Amino acid sequence: MRSGWCTGCRGLSVSVALSALKPTAGFKAGLRSTSKMKYILVTGGVISGIGKGIIASSVGTILKSCGLHVTSIKIDPYINIDAGTFSPYEHGEVFVLDDGGEVDLDLGNYERFLDIRLTKDNNLTTGKIYQYVINKERKGDYLGKTVQVVPHITDAIQEWVMRQALIPVDEDGLEPQVCVIELGGTVGDIESMPFIEAFRQFQFKVKRENFCNIHVSLVPQPSSTGEQKTKPTQNSVRELRGLGLSPDLVVCRCSNPLDTSVKEKISMFCHVEPEQVICVHDVSSIYRVPLLLEEQGVVDYFLRRLDLPIERQRRKMLMKWKEMADRYDRLLETCSIALVGKYTKFSDSYASVIKALEHSALAINHKLEIKYIDSTDLEPSTLQEEPVRYHEAWQKLCSAHGVLVPGGFGVRGTEGKIQAISWARKQKKPFLGVCLGMQLAVVEFSRNVLGWQDANSTEFDPNTNHPVVIDMPEHNPGQMGGTMRLGKRRTLFQTTNSVMRKLYGEADYLEERHRHRFEVNPALKKSLEEQGLKFVGQDVEGERMEIVELEGMILEESLWTSGVYSFDFTLSF
């Protein structure tokens, strides 16, 4: 919702005319664009999943707090074109961007930490880069040359990074000054070799003063000895250096702060100064990681190493970050939310939902307690097969302050979600349905209020007599990847009497990100609304039902509402 602007030059006084000759923000931005972009590559060793994404986001945060414009790129060395068809059990949630890009969940961390808006090209995969090179070869761009990993793939990687680093990601539209690049996986993986080689060449192309490598490694502490082991980090750094990259900072992930002797040992064997060994131990919340890096002089190191134009005094943004982290640790009252889904064994499957709940709880000064409930455990069949699991699941649900049913795919667990939605409606418990959760809320209402016992989504029962949720016309059933309604869309409120509208500050419309193939059947809208299920938000064409509420809700008493969009993809710290 950015406003446009225009000016006229007629009737300008001399003083105004002279002031127009002063350097403007655009002029300054033009000067800045001629300066060298700074690249910070974050690699990982020993094991995956040790927090490279949080480290990369935190580095960007402390640099942004210095007044710099920061962008981020995530490299995933898998053959998939994007993350759209991934199982949540393997890679966690699929994060959706404004432009409809289905990307790795780390890009969600970048957006939340840095308050930026990325595009699908900020997530580079092996599949994307090979597709890019093969398309160029088919068009004859290589003039008959033999296309090889070196130099064609490696050159394409470097070109992609340099091109994407210049794309503005802040609301002010200014060109970034620093690009933080996270290379997924671990050093030594065969899949990441082309990328390692590309950055080996890249460091010489952009010059040493514009390129920096942070290597994140694990320092385990076996319970049998209690001693912090440095050998895995030594081996990881040795392998990285053997591939042509020498880390400037070695970030050690550990359960407890590093002993001085351990730091000195890593310094000696990894060819870095002791102050270049950074300890990131387990902390009470991820909000403390940027503060941890700043306390150990990471900003001062970047100032010297990359010659960054930053201020040395205490930064206002980082002070606010500290206040938030301190407030998070002081929370006493607890708010419990039952998260009813089918991927609850792996919390990364709902990473953005969890972050959104955490931010909401923090805003009302409550500590969040999430009760993960596998939706299949709520189904009657579980009562027959595993009665203990069934009763434990229902006990969790009944003891929660509110119920959230997130998105998902496939028929497994849907009946359990419908049971949870029905219980929340009858007990007047606060309920929020997201994406599939909204669609199943309509199914539940149709069955139990309208009496359509076979009401269902055509995704689960194509032959139902009451298809309350149907396939969208533009969906191509023969394709899986990239065929959903994706990206930021505008939803118009249809009435002023809406709880959701009040929560959005009485706005006339909202813009949120979508990821779904199915929609509420518009032919049944009238029947549903006559019984009290109000579709208070629709798309700009008025064809798709996007927000649903129970008639007569009072915000202070009970909230029962759903949206087909994924609100959790657009929240920032």
Foldseek 3Di string as FASTA:
>chain_A
DDDDDDDDDPPDDPVRVVVVPDQDPVNVLVVLVVDAAFEEEEAEADWFPLQSLLLLLLVLLVVVLQVFAEAEAEEALDQDQACQPPDCVPQAAFFFFQVFAGHGCSVLSNCFSNVWGADNLSYHYPNNLVVVLVVCVVVCVVVPDDDDLPPRSLVSVLVSCVVRQQAHTDPVRGGGRYYYYYYGDHQPPPSCLSVLLSVLVVCPVSDQLRYAYEYEYEFEQDPVHRDTHCVRVLVRLVSSVVSRDQHAAYEYEYADFDDLVSLVVCCVSRVYDSLRYAYDHDDPDSLCRSVSCVVSPVVVVNCVRNVDPGDDDDGPSNVVSVVLVVLLVPQDAEAEEEEEEQNLVDCSNCVLVVVVVCVVCSVVRHHYHYHYAHLLLCDPVCCVVPVVSVVVRVVSLVPHQAYEYEDDADDPSLVSLLVSLVVCVVVLGAYEYEAVGQVSNLQSCCCPPVVQVQEDDCSHPVPRPHHQKYFDPQADVVDRPPRFQWRKFKKAFPDQPDPVCVVVVVDRIDIFTAGGGMFGDPVCQVVSVVRFWDQGIDGPVRHGRFKIFGPPDDPVRHGRIYGNGDRSSNHHD
